[in-house]
Amino acid sequence: MITLFDRLFCVFSALLFTQVPRFIELYTTRLAGHVTEAERIVNRFVEVAKGFNLTLSSYIAKFLALSDPEIRSQGELMQESVDRLHALSTGYTHLIDASWYMKPMVFIRYGDWDIVRATMDNFSFGLSFTTQTLAWMVIGIAAAVAVMKIVSWLVRSLKSSFGFQSA
C-alpha cells in the first residue's frame, strides 16, 4: 500500500536529484574561472622564465635549489601553482567530456573540494525541464522506491527475527 509518506518521499527525492545537473553546471562554471586564473599565473611564470632563456621547469628548479628559505619558498609557490593548474585543468577536461550520467562520478573523482564548498555556499535551489533534469528526476524516484523497499524488507526481517507479527 502506497502511503502519503511514500509519495512525499518520492517527490522530495525527485526534486533533490534534479539539483545534480544544476550543481555540477554551476561547479563547472566556477572551475572554469579557476582554470583561467591559474593559466594566467602560470603563463606569467613562463614569460619570466623565457626572459632568462629558461624553461619553466628549469626556472622553478633554480629557486628550489637555493638554500635561502625565502627564495626557495617562491620556487615552491610556483611549483604549487603549476601543479594546481594541472589538477584543475584535468578535472575540467574530464568533466566537460563526460556524458550526463557519468558527470557525477567524474565530479566525485576530480572535484576540487574547496571549489565545491564555494559552489555550495552560493547554490540556490532551481528547477529546469531539460531532458537531463527529467532523467535525474526519474533516477531520484527510482532511488526513493529502492530505499523504501529496502527499509520495508529490513522492518519485516527485524519483526520476524524478534517474533513480532502483523495484526
Protein backbone atom coordinates (compact mmCIF):
# COMPACT_ATOMS: atom_id res chain seq x y z
CA MET A 1 0.00 0.00 0.00
CA ILE A 2 1.40 3.37 -1.02
CA THR A 3 1.06 5.94 1.75
CA LEU A 4 1.18 9.70 1.68
CA PHE A 5 4.67 9.48 3.18
CA ASP A 6 5.80 7.25 0.29
CA ARG A 7 4.50 9.75 -2.26
CA LEU A 8 6.08 12.71 -0.49
CA PHE A 9 9.38 10.85 -0.16
CA CYS A 10 9.35 10.14 -3.93
CA VAL A 11 8.61 13.79 -4.74
CA PHE A 12 11.30 15.02 -2.36
CA SER A 13 13.81 12.56 -3.78
CA ALA A 14 12.95 13.53 -7.36
CA LEU A 15 13.37 17.22 -6.59
CA LEU A 16 16.64 16.56 -4.78
CA PHE A 17 18.05 14.57 -7.69
CA THR A 18 17.08 17.32 -10.18
CA GLN A 19 19.65 19.50 -8.44
CA VAL A 20 22.53 17.24 -9.53
CA PRO A 21 22.91 18.64 -13.07
CA ARG A 22 22.35 22.20 -11.84
CA PHE A 23 25.00 21.93 -9.14
CA ILE A 24 27.52 20.30 -11.49
CA GLU A 25 26.88 23.02 -14.08
CA LEU A 26 27.48 25.77 -11.52
CA TYR A 27 30.58 23.97 -10.23
CA THR A 28 31.90 23.61 -13.80
CA THR A 29 31.45 27.33 -14.42
CA ARG A 30 33.30 28.18 -11.21
CA LEU A 31 36.01 25.62 -12.05
CA ALA A 32 36.49 27.20 -15.49
CA GLY A 33 37.17 30.53 -13.79
CA HIS A 34 39.77 28.94 -11.53
CA VAL A 35 41.44 27.25 -14.52
CA THR A 36 41.59 30.56 -16.40
CA GLU A 37 43.15 32.34 -13.43
CA ALA A 38 45.67 29.55 -12.83
CA GLU A 39 46.61 29.63 -16.54
CA ARG A 40 47.16 33.38 -16.32
CA ILE A 41 49.50 32.99 -13.36
CA VAL A 42 51.47 30.08 -14.83
CA ASN A 43 51.72 31.81 -18.22
CA ARG A 44 53.25 34.79 -16.47
CA PHE A 45 55.84 32.48 -14.89
CA VAL A 46 56.58 31.08 -18.36
CA GLU A 47 57.08 34.59 -19.77
CA VAL A 48 59.51 35.48 -17.00
CA ALA A 49 61.41 32.21 -17.47
CA LYS A 50 61.66 32.83 -21.23
CA GLY A 51 63.11 36.25 -20.46
CA PHE A 52 66.03 34.41 -18.89
CA ASN A 53 66.16 31.83 -21.72
CA LEU A 54 64.91 29.11 -19.37
CA THR A 55 62.07 26.65 -19.43
CA LEU A 56 59.55 26.96 -16.65
CA SER A 57 60.83 23.74 -15.06
CA SER A 58 64.44 24.93 -15.00
CA TYR A 59 63.38 28.37 -13.76
CA ILE A 60 61.50 26.82 -10.83
CA ALA A 61 64.38 24.39 -10.19
CA LYS A 62 66.76 27.36 -9.73
CA PHE A 63 64.56 28.69 -6.95
CA LEU A 64 64.17 25.29 -5.33
CA ALA A 65 67.93 24.65 -5.38
CA LEU A 66 68.78 27.76 -3.35
CA SER A 67 69.48 27.47 0.35
CA ASP A 68 67.74 30.74 1.24
CA PRO A 69 64.32 29.62 2.58
CA GLU A 70 62.60 32.82 1.45
CA ILE A 71 63.67 32.37 -2.14
CA ARG A 72 63.15 28.59 -2.08
CA SER A 73 59.59 29.20 -0.88
CA GLN A 74 58.99 31.23 -4.04
CA GLY A 75 60.00 28.19 -6.10
CA GLU A 76 57.65 26.03 -4.04
CA LEU A 77 54.85 28.51 -4.62
CA MET A 78 55.48 28.48 -8.38
CA GLN A 79 55.52 24.67 -8.44
CA GLU A 80 52.28 24.54 -6.45
CA SER A 81 50.71 26.90 -9.00
CA VAL A 82 51.82 24.66 -11.88
CA ASP A 83 50.55 21.54 -10.07
CA ARG A 84 47.22 23.22 -9.28
CA LEU A 85 46.77 24.28 -12.88
CA HIS A 86 47.38 20.70 -13.99
CA ALA A 87 44.91 19.28 -11.44
CA LEU A 88 42.20 21.84 -12.21
CA SER A 89 42.64 21.51 -15.99
CA THR A 90 42.48 17.73 -15.79
CA GLY A 91 39.31 17.83 -13.73
CA TYR A 92 37.71 20.41 -16.00
CA THR A 93 38.54 18.47 -19.17
CA HIS A 94 37.19 15.21 -17.76
CA LEU A 95 34.03 16.92 -16.52
CA ILE A 96 33.35 18.65 -19.85
CA ASP A 97 33.98 15.45 -21.82
CA ALA A 98 31.82 13.23 -19.56
CA SER A 99 28.34 12.16 -20.58
CA TRP A 100 25.46 13.45 -18.44
CA TYR A 101 25.16 10.21 -16.49
CA MET A 102 28.93 9.96 -15.85
CA LYS A 103 29.36 13.57 -14.69
CA PRO A 104 28.58 12.80 -11.01
CA MET A 105 31.26 10.08 -10.92
CA VAL A 106 33.78 12.32 -12.69
CA PHE A 107 32.81 15.15 -10.33
CA ILE A 108 33.48 12.94 -7.30
CA ARG A 109 36.79 11.70 -8.75
CA TYR A 110 38.20 15.05 -9.91
CA GLY A 111 36.29 17.63 -7.87
CA ASP A 112 38.29 20.27 -6.04
CA TRP A 113 36.60 20.32 -2.65
CA ASP A 114 37.42 23.97 -1.91
CA ILE A 115 35.62 24.92 -5.12
CA VAL A 116 32.79 22.51 -4.28
CA ARG A 117 32.34 24.24 -0.90
CA ALA A 118 32.35 27.67 -2.54
CA THR A 119 29.78 26.46 -5.08
CA MET A 120 27.65 25.05 -2.28
CA ASP A 121 27.83 28.33 -0.35
CA ASN A 122 26.34 30.16 -3.35
CA PHE A 123 23.97 27.43 -4.51
CA SER A 124 20.27 28.07 -4.69
CA PHE A 125 17.56 25.58 -5.49
CA GLY A 126 16.36 25.75 -9.06
CA LEU A 127 14.37 23.67 -11.46
CA SER A 128 14.68 23.34 -15.19
CA PHE A 129 12.92 21.00 -17.53
CA THR A 130 15.71 19.70 -19.69
CA THR A 131 15.97 16.07 -20.71
CA GLN A 132 18.90 15.68 -18.33
CA THR A 133 16.94 17.10 -15.40
CA LEU A 134 13.96 14.88 -16.15
CA ALA A 135 16.27 11.85 -16.31
CA TRP A 136 17.68 12.76 -12.88
CA MET A 137 14.10 13.13 -11.61
CA VAL A 138 13.36 9.56 -12.70
CA ILE A 139 16.59 8.38 -11.07
CA GLY A 140 15.53 10.16 -7.87
CA ILE A 141 12.14 8.43 -7.89
CA ALA A 142 13.80 5.05 -8.54
CA ALA A 143 16.23 5.70 -5.66
CA ALA A 144 13.34 6.59 -3.34
CA VAL A 145 11.43 3.44 -4.28
CA ALA A 146 14.58 1.35 -3.76
CA VAL A 147 15.17 2.92 -0.32
CA MET A 148 11.53 2.31 0.66
CA LYS A 149 11.74 -1.35 -0.48
CA ILE A 150 14.98 -1.88 1.47
CA VAL A 151 13.56 -0.26 4.61
CA SER A 152 10.36 -2.30 4.27
CA TRP A 153 12.35 -5.52 3.89
CA LEU A 154 14.54 -4.64 6.90
CA VAL A 155 11.49 -3.89 9.05
CA ARG A 156 9.84 -7.20 8.04
CA SER A 157 13.08 -9.08 8.71
CA LEU A 158 13.52 -7.49 12.12
CA LYS A 159 9.89 -8.16 13.03
CA SER A 160 10.18 -11.82 12.11
CA SER A 161 13.54 -12.10 13.91
CA PHE A 162 12.01 -10.85 17.13
CA GLY A 163 8.76 -12.78 16.73
CA PHE A 164 6.51 -9.79 16.07
CA GLN A 165 3.53 -10.50 13.87
CA SER A 166 1.39 -8.08 11.93
CA ALA A 167 -2.16 -7.64 13.10
